[in-house]
PDB file of N, CA and C in Angstrom:
ATOM      1  N   MET A   1      24.462 -86.907 -24.495  1.00  0.00           N
ATOM      2  CA  MET A   1      25.006 -85.891 -25.369  1.00  0.00           C
ATOM      3  C   MET A   1      24.611 -86.121 -26.820  1.00  0.00           C
ATOM      4  N   GLU A   2      24.310 -87.371 -27.180  1.00  0.00           N
ATOM      5  CA  GLU A   2      23.918 -87.646 -28.562  1.00  0.00           C
ATOM      6  C   GLU A   2      22.629 -86.915 -28.921  1.00  0.00           C
ATOM      7  N   ILE A   3      21.689 -86.895 -27.989  1.00  0.00           N
ATOM      8  CA  ILE A   3      20.418 -86.213 -28.241  1.00  0.00           C
ATOM      9  C   ILE A   3      20.651 -84.708 -28.370  1.00  0.00           C
ATOM     10  N   PHE A   4      21.507 -84.158 -27.520  1.00  0.00           N
ATOM     11  CA  PHE A   4      21.835 -82.732 -27.615  1.00  0.00           C
ATOM     12  C   PHE A   4      22.410 -82.409 -28.996  1.00  0.00           C
ATOM     13  N   CYS A   5      23.371 -83.212 -29.441  1.00  0.00           N
ATOM     14  CA  CYS A   5      24.006 -82.975 -30.745  1.00  0.00           C
ATOM     15  C   CYS A   5      22.994 -83.077 -31.884  1.00  0.00           C
ATOM     16  N   TYR A   6      22.140 -84.077 -31.823  1.00  0.00           N
ATOM     17  CA  TYR A   6      21.124 -84.254 -32.858  1.00  0.00           C
ATOM     18  C   TYR A   6      20.149 -83.064 -32.868  1.00  0.00           C
ATOM     19  N   ASP A   7      19.693 -82.655 -31.688  1.00  0.00           N
ATOM     20  CA  ASP A   7      18.770 -81.519 -31.611  1.00  0.00           C
ATOM     21  C   ASP A   7      19.413 -80.228 -32.104  1.00  0.00           C
ATOM     22  N   MET A   8      20.697 -80.022 -31.775  1.00  0.00           N
ATOM     23  CA  MET A   8      21.385 -78.822 -32.258  1.00  0.00           C
ATOM     24  C   MET A   8      21.495 -78.835 -33.775  1.00  0.00           C
ATOM     25  N   MET A   9      21.773 -79.998 -34.337  1.00  0.00           N
ATOM     26  CA  MET A   9      21.867 -80.111 -35.792  1.00  0.00           C
ATOM     27  C   MET A   9      20.527 -79.762 -36.433  1.00  0.00           C
ATOM     28  N   LEU A  10      19.444 -80.289 -35.887  1.00  0.00           N
ATOM     29  CA  LEU A  10      18.118 -79.965 -36.435  1.00  0.00           C
ATOM     30  C   LEU A  10      17.810 -78.479 -36.299  1.00  0.00           C
ATOM     31  N   ALA A  11      18.116 -77.905 -35.137  1.00  0.00           N
ATOM     32  CA  ALA A  11      17.853 -76.477 -34.920  1.00  0.00           C
ATOM     33  C   ALA A  11      18.649 -75.620 -35.899  1.00  0.00           C
ATOM     34  N   GLU A  12      19.900 -75.990 -36.139  1.00  0.00           N
ATOM     35  CA  GLU A  12      20.726 -75.235 -37.082  1.00  0.00           C
ATOM     36  C   GLU A  12      20.168 -75.322 -38.501  1.00  0.00           C
ATOM     37  N   ARG A  13      19.737 -76.493 -38.897  1.00  0.00           N
ATOM     38  CA  ARG A  13      19.169 -76.646 -40.247  1.00  0.00           C
ATOM     39  C   ARG A  13      17.873 -75.861 -40.391  1.00  0.00           C
ATOM     40  N   TRP A  14      17.002 -75.957 -39.373  1.00  0.00           N
ATOM     41  CA  TRP A  14      15.733 -75.220 -39.435  1.00  0.00           C
ATOM     42  C   TRP A  14      15.975 -73.718 -39.393  1.00  0.00           C
ATOM     43  N   ALA A  15      16.924 -73.269 -38.550  1.00  0.00           N
ATOM     44  CA  ALA A  15      17.210 -71.836 -38.433  1.00  0.00           C
ATOM     45  C   ALA A  15      17.780 -71.285 -39.737  1.00  0.00           C
ATOM     46  N   ALA A  16      18.513 -72.096 -40.482  1.00  0.00           N
ATOM     47  CA  ALA A  16      19.052 -71.644 -41.764  1.00  0.00           C
ATOM     48  C   ALA A  16      17.923 -71.380 -42.756  1.00  0.00           C
ATOM     49  N   LYS A  17      16.836 -72.132 -42.638  1.00  0.00           N
ATOM     50  CA  LYS A  17      15.704 -71.950 -43.550  1.00  0.00           C
ATOM     51  C   LYS A  17      14.733 -70.879 -43.071  1.00  0.00           C
ATOM     52  N   ARG A  18      14.560 -70.771 -41.733  1.00  0.00           N
ATOM     53  CA  ARG A  18      13.597 -69.827 -41.166  1.00  0.00           C
ATOM     54  C   ARG A  18      14.231 -69.092 -39.996  1.00  0.00           C
ATOM     55  N   PRO A  19      15.130 -68.152 -40.234  1.00  0.00           N
ATOM     56  CA  PRO A  19      15.824 -67.455 -39.136  1.00  0.00           C
ATOM     57  C   PRO A  19      14.857 -66.762 -38.181  1.00  0.00           C
ATOM     58  N   GLY A  20      15.168 -66.844 -36.897  1.00  0.00           N
ATOM     59  CA  GLY A  20      14.387 -66.140 -35.897  1.00  0.00           C
ATOM     60  C   GLY A  20      13.115 -66.830 -35.471  1.00  0.00           C
ATOM     61  N   SER A  21      12.789 -67.966 -36.049  1.00  0.00           N
ATOM     62  CA  SER A  21      11.518 -68.604 -35.698  1.00  0.00           C
ATOM     63  C   SER A  21      11.708 -69.946 -34.981  1.00  0.00           C
ATOM     64  N   ILE A  22      12.926 -70.261 -34.559  1.00  0.00           N
ATOM     65  CA  ILE A  22      13.208 -71.552 -33.948  1.00  0.00           C
ATOM     66  C   ILE A  22      13.522 -71.365 -32.469  1.00  0.00           C
ATOM     67  N   THR A  23      12.951 -72.215 -31.629  1.00  0.00           N
ATOM     68  CA  THR A  23      13.277 -72.279 -30.208  1.00  0.00           C
ATOM     69  C   THR A  23      13.550 -73.727 -29.862  1.00  0.00           C
ATOM     70  N   LEU A  24      14.709 -73.994 -29.286  1.00  0.00           N
ATOM     71  CA  LEU A  24      15.081 -75.333 -28.849  1.00  0.00           C
ATOM     72  C   LEU A  24      15.104 -75.329 -27.327  1.00  0.00           C
ATOM     73  N   ILE A  25      14.352 -76.245 -26.712  1.00  0.00           N
ATOM     74  CA  ILE A  25      14.246 -76.318 -25.254  1.00  0.00           C
ATOM     75  C   ILE A  25      14.672 -77.705 -24.790  1.00  0.00           C
ATOM     76  N   HIS A  26      15.553 -77.737 -23.793  1.00  0.00           N
ATOM     77  CA  HIS A  26      15.970 -78.994 -23.183  1.00  0.00           C
ATOM     78  C   HIS A  26      15.675 -78.971 -21.692  1.00  0.00           C
ATOM     79  N   ASP A  27      15.295 -80.120 -21.162  1.00  0.00           N
ATOM     80  CA  ASP A  27      15.103 -80.298 -19.735  1.00  0.00           C
ATOM     81  C   ASP A  27      16.426 -80.779 -19.130  1.00  0.00           C
ATOM     82  N   SER A  28      16.569 -80.697 -17.840  1.00  0.00           N
ATOM     83  CA  SER A  28      17.813 -81.092 -17.181  1.00  0.00           C
ATOM     84  C   SER A  28      18.140 -82.569 -17.374  1.00  0.00           C
ATOM     85  N   ASN A  29      17.152 -83.399 -17.671  1.00  0.00           N
ATOM     86  CA  ASN A  29      17.398 -84.827 -17.847  1.00  0.00           C
ATOM     87  C   ASN A  29      18.351 -85.121 -18.998  1.00  0.00           C
ATOM     88  N   ILE A  30      18.417 -84.242 -19.976  1.00  0.00           N
ATOM     89  CA  ILE A  30      19.295 -84.484 -21.124  1.00  0.00           C
ATOM     90  C   ILE A  30      20.770 -84.468 -20.707  1.00  0.00           C
ATOM     91  N   PHE A  31      21.073 -83.798 -19.600  1.00  0.00           N
ATOM     92  CA  PHE A  31      22.446 -83.716 -19.104  1.00  0.00           C
ATOM     93  C   PHE A  31      22.615 -84.474 -17.788  1.00  0.00           C
ATOM     94  N   ALA A  32      21.808 -85.500 -17.549  1.00  0.00           N
ATOM     95  CA  ALA A  32      21.794 -86.206 -16.267  1.00  0.00           C
ATOM     96  C   ALA A  32      23.136 -86.841 -15.910  1.00  0.00           C
ATOM     97  N   ASP A  33      23.772 -87.530 -16.819  1.00  0.00           N
ATOM     98  CA  ASP A  33      25.018 -88.239 -16.521  1.00  0.00           C
ATOM     99  C   ASP A  33      26.220 -87.605 -17.207  1.00  0.00           C
ATOM    100  N   VAL A  34      26.212 -86.284 -17.277  1.00  0.00           N
ATOM    101  CA  VAL A  34      27.265 -85.550 -17.985  1.00  0.00           C
ATOM    102  C   VAL A  34      28.088 -84.773 -16.962  1.00  0.00           C
ATOM    103  N   ASP A  35      29.423 -84.808 -17.101  1.00  0.00           N
ATOM    104  CA  ASP A  35      30.255 -84.067 -16.146  1.00  0.00           C
ATOM    105  C   ASP A  35      30.224 -82.565 -16.464  1.00  0.00           C
ATOM    106  N   ASP A  36      30.762 -81.784 -15.539  1.00  0.00           N
ATOM    107  CA  ASP A  36      30.704 -80.320 -15.654  1.00  0.00           C
ATOM    108  C   ASP A  36      31.359 -79.795 -16.926  1.00  0.00           C
ATOM    109  N   ARG A  37      32.478 -80.386 -17.331  1.00  0.00           N
ATOM    110  CA  ARG A  37      33.167 -79.897 -18.529  1.00  0.00           C
ATOM    111  C   ARG A  37      32.332 -80.114 -19.784  1.00  0.00           C
ATOM    112  N   GLN A  38      31.693 -81.285 -19.879  1.00  0.00           N
ATOM    113  CA  GLN A  38      30.845 -81.558 -21.041  1.00  0.00           C
ATOM    114  C   GLN A  38      29.615 -80.660 -21.041  1.00  0.00           C
ATOM    115  N   LEU A  39      29.021 -80.460 -19.874  1.00  0.00           N
ATOM    116  CA  LEU A  39      27.852 -79.581 -19.773  1.00  0.00           C
ATOM    117  C   LEU A  39      28.225 -78.160 -20.158  1.00  0.00           C
ATOM    118  N   ALA A  40      29.360 -77.671 -19.650  1.00  0.00           N
ATOM    119  CA  ALA A  40      29.801 -76.315 -19.990  1.00  0.00           C
ATOM    120  C   ALA A  40      30.066 -76.188 -21.488  1.00  0.00           C
ATOM    121  N   ALA A  41      30.713 -77.200 -22.073  1.00  0.00           N
ATOM    122  CA  ALA A  41      30.992 -77.159 -23.514  1.00  0.00           C
ATOM    123  C   ALA A  41      29.702 -77.158 -24.321  1.00  0.00           C
ATOM    124  N   ALA A  42      28.718 -77.944 -23.903  1.00  0.00           N
ATOM    125  CA  ALA A  42      27.427 -77.990 -24.608  1.00  0.00           C
ATOM    126  C   ALA A  42      26.712 -76.647 -24.511  1.00  0.00           C
ATOM    127  N   LEU A  43      26.710 -76.041 -23.333  1.00  0.00           N
ATOM    128  CA  LEU A  43      26.040 -74.749 -23.166  1.00  0.00           C
ATOM    129  C   LEU A  43      26.752 -73.648 -23.946  1.00  0.00           C
ATOM    130  N   GLU A  44      28.077 -73.704 -23.984  1.00  0.00           N
ATOM    131  CA  GLU A  44      28.831 -72.727 -24.780  1.00  0.00           C
ATOM    132  C   GLU A  44      28.532 -72.883 -26.264  1.00  0.00           C
ATOM    133  N   LEU A  45      28.506 -74.126 -26.723  1.00  0.00           N
ATOM    134  CA  LEU A  45      28.185 -74.381 -28.129  1.00  0.00           C
ATOM    135  C   LEU A  45      26.782 -73.892 -28.459  1.00  0.00           C
ATOM    136  N   ALA A  46      25.831 -74.185 -27.595  1.00  0.00           N
ATOM    137  CA  ALA A  46      24.450 -73.742 -27.820  1.00  0.00           C
ATOM    138  C   ALA A  46      24.374 -72.214 -27.865  1.00  0.00           C
ATOM    139  N   ALA A  47      25.110 -71.556 -26.971  1.00  0.00           N
ATOM    140  CA  ALA A  47      25.110 -70.085 -26.960  1.00  0.00           C
ATOM    141  C   ALA A  47      25.697 -69.526 -28.259  1.00  0.00           C
ATOM    142  N   GLU A  48      26.818 -70.096 -28.689  1.00  0.00           N
ATOM    143  CA  GLU A  48      27.475 -69.616 -29.914  1.00  0.00           C
ATOM    144  C   GLU A  48      26.616 -69.847 -31.150  1.00  0.00           C
ATOM    145  N   ARG A  49      26.101 -71.054 -31.303  1.00  0.00           N
ATOM    146  CA  ARG A  49      25.330 -71.404 -32.505  1.00  0.00           C
ATOM    147  C   ARG A  49      23.993 -70.671 -32.541  1.00  0.00           C
ATOM    148  N   SER A  50      23.333 -70.541 -31.393  1.00  0.00           N
ATOM    149  CA  SER A  50      22.042 -69.843 -31.395  1.00  0.00           C
ATOM    150  C   SER A  50      22.224 -68.366 -31.709  1.00  0.00           C
ATOM    151  N   LYS A  51      23.313 -67.782 -31.245  1.00  0.00           N
ATOM    152  CA  LYS A  51      23.576 -66.375 -31.567  1.00  0.00           C
ATOM    153  C   LYS A  51      23.924 -66.218 -33.047  1.00  0.00           C
ATOM    154  N   ALA A  52      24.756 -67.113 -33.562  1.00  0.00           N
ATOM    155  CA  ALA A  52      25.193 -67.018 -34.961  1.00  0.00           C
ATOM    156  C   ALA A  52      24.046 -67.243 -35.938  1.00  0.00           C
ATOM    157  N   LEU A  53      23.120 -68.150 -35.596  1.00  0.00           N
ATOM    158  CA  LEU A  53      22.043 -68.503 -36.530  1.00  0.00           C
ATOM    159  C   LEU A  53      20.686 -67.918 -36.136  1.00  0.00           C
ATOM    160  N   ASN A  54      20.682 -67.085 -35.106  1.00  0.00           N
ATOM    161  CA  ASN A  54      19.480 -66.356 -34.704  1.00  0.00           C
ATOM    162  C   ASN A  54      18.321 -67.289 -34.328  1.00  0.00           C
ATOM    163  N   PHE A  55      18.608 -68.230 -33.411  1.00  0.00           N
ATOM    164  CA  PHE A  55      17.522 -69.012 -32.822  1.00  0.00           C
ATOM    165  C   PHE A  55      17.672 -69.002 -31.309  1.00  0.00           C
ATOM    166  N   GLN A  56      16.650 -69.402 -30.616  1.00  0.00           N
ATOM    167  CA  GLN A  56      16.635 -69.335 -29.161  1.00  0.00           C
ATOM    168  C   GLN A  56      16.883 -70.719 -28.572  1.00  0.00           C
ATOM    169  N   TYR A  57      17.769 -70.791 -27.573  1.00  0.00           N
ATOM    170  CA  TYR A  57      18.041 -72.038 -26.873  1.00  0.00           C
ATOM    171  C   TYR A  57      17.729 -71.846 -25.399  1.00  0.00           C
ATOM    172  N   ILE A  58      16.895 -72.712 -24.856  1.00  0.00           N
ATOM    173  CA  ILE A  58      16.513 -72.663 -23.446  1.00  0.00           C
ATOM    174  C   ILE A  58      16.849 -74.007 -22.826  1.00  0.00           C
ATOM    175  N   CYS A  59      17.525 -73.973 -21.681  1.00  0.00           N
ATOM    176  CA  CYS A  59      17.867 -75.206 -20.973  1.00  0.00           C
ATOM    177  C   CYS A  59      17.455 -75.056 -19.518  1.00  0.00           C
ATOM    178  N   HIS A  60      16.603 -75.942 -19.038  1.00  0.00           N
ATOM    179  CA  HIS A  60      16.170 -75.951 -17.641  1.00  0.00           C
ATOM    180  C   HIS A  60      17.121 -76.859 -16.876  1.00  0.00           C
ATOM    181  N   LEU A  61      17.843 -76.290 -15.889  1.00  0.00           N
ATOM    182  CA  LEU A  61      18.770 -77.069 -15.076  1.00  0.00           C
ATOM    183  C   LEU A  61      18.256 -77.161 -13.643  1.00  0.00           C
ATOM    184  N   GLN A  62      18.586 -78.250 -12.970  1.00  0.00           N
ATOM    185  CA  GLN A  62      18.248 -78.417 -11.568  1.00  0.00           C
ATOM    186  C   GLN A  62      19.149 -77.523 -10.724  1.00  0.00           C
ATOM    187  N   PHE A  63      18.676 -77.192  -9.530  1.00  0.00           N
ATOM    188  CA  PHE A  63      19.481 -76.403  -8.606  1.00  0.00           C
ATOM    189  C   PHE A  63      20.788 -77.143  -8.330  1.00  0.00           C
ATOM    190  N   GLY A  64      21.902 -76.484  -8.512  1.00  0.00           N
ATOM    191  CA  GLY A  64      23.199 -77.084  -8.278  1.00  0.00           C
ATOM    192  C   GLY A  64      23.753 -77.855  -9.469  1.00  0.00           C
ATOM    193  N   GLN A  65      23.012 -77.945 -10.555  1.00  0.00           N
ATOM    194  CA  GLN A  65      23.473 -78.690 -11.725  1.00  0.00           C
ATOM    195  C   GLN A  65      24.356 -77.839 -12.641  1.00  0.00           C
ATOM    196  N   ALA A  66      24.237 -76.534 -12.556  1.00  0.00           N
ATOM    197  CA  ALA A  66      25.021 -75.655 -13.429  1.00  0.00           C
ATOM    198  C   ALA A  66      26.506 -75.798 -13.115  1.00  0.00           C
ATOM    199  N   PRO A  67      27.347 -75.830 -14.126  1.00  0.00           N
ATOM    200  CA  PRO A  67      28.785 -75.953 -13.890  1.00  0.00           C
ATOM    201  C   PRO A  67      29.341 -74.732 -13.170  1.00  0.00           C
ATOM    202  N   ALA A  68      30.429 -74.930 -12.466  1.00  0.00           N
ATOM    203  CA  ALA A  68      31.089 -73.823 -11.774  1.00  0.00           C
ATOM    204  C   ALA A  68      31.560 -72.796 -12.799  1.00  0.00           C
ATOM    205  N   PRO A  69      31.553 -71.508 -12.440  1.00  0.00           N
ATOM    206  CA  PRO A  69      31.943 -70.471 -13.405  1.00  0.00           C
ATOM    207  C   PRO A  69      33.326 -70.675 -14.020  1.00  0.00           C
ATOM    208  N   GLY A  70      34.261 -71.246 -13.320  1.00  0.00           N
ATOM    209  CA  GLY A  70      35.611 -71.445 -13.843  1.00  0.00           C
ATOM    210  C   GLY A  70      35.691 -72.502 -14.922  1.00  0.00           C
ATOM    211  N   VAL A  71      34.636 -73.308 -15.094  1.00  0.00           N
ATOM    212  CA  VAL A  71      34.633 -74.379 -16.090  1.00  0.00           C
ATOM    213  C   VAL A  71      34.402 -73.830 -17.487  1.00  0.00           C
ATOM    214  N   PHE A  72      33.688 -72.713 -17.590  1.00  0.00           N
ATOM    215  CA  PHE A  72      33.397 -72.130 -18.900  1.00  0.00           C
ATOM    216  C   PHE A  72      34.659 -71.538 -19.487  1.00  0.00           C
ATOM    217  N   SER A  73      34.864 -71.737 -20.774  1.00  0.00           N
ATOM    218  CA  SER A  73      36.085 -71.219 -21.392  1.00  0.00           C
ATOM    219  C   SER A  73      35.844 -70.062 -22.338  1.00  0.00           C
ATOM    220  N   ARG A  74      34.665 -70.013 -22.975  1.00  0.00           N
ATOM    221  CA  ARG A  74      34.469 -68.997 -24.022  1.00  0.00           C
ATOM    222  C   ARG A  74      33.373 -68.003 -23.720  1.00  0.00           C
ATOM    223  N   ILE A  75      32.468 -68.272 -22.800  1.00  0.00           N
ATOM    224  CA  ILE A  75      31.351 -67.336 -22.549  1.00  0.00           C
ATOM    225  C   ILE A  75      31.790 -66.270 -21.576  1.00  0.00           C
TER     226      ILE A  75
END
């Protein structure tokens, strides 16, 4: 999760300077040892921040790695 947080911080700073020109991509390995609640919270945060700051966030997840729909609280 530390890498996710660091990457989000960089994306937010870059998007503030150059709106619409930032794309942040993560592979499923970044969430390898993360439980469903943490993964859902990270994806919700990425969705909120990318929408607010006009940048694109892409996350490649393995089959079955996506959290159950009931875990999401804000999306």
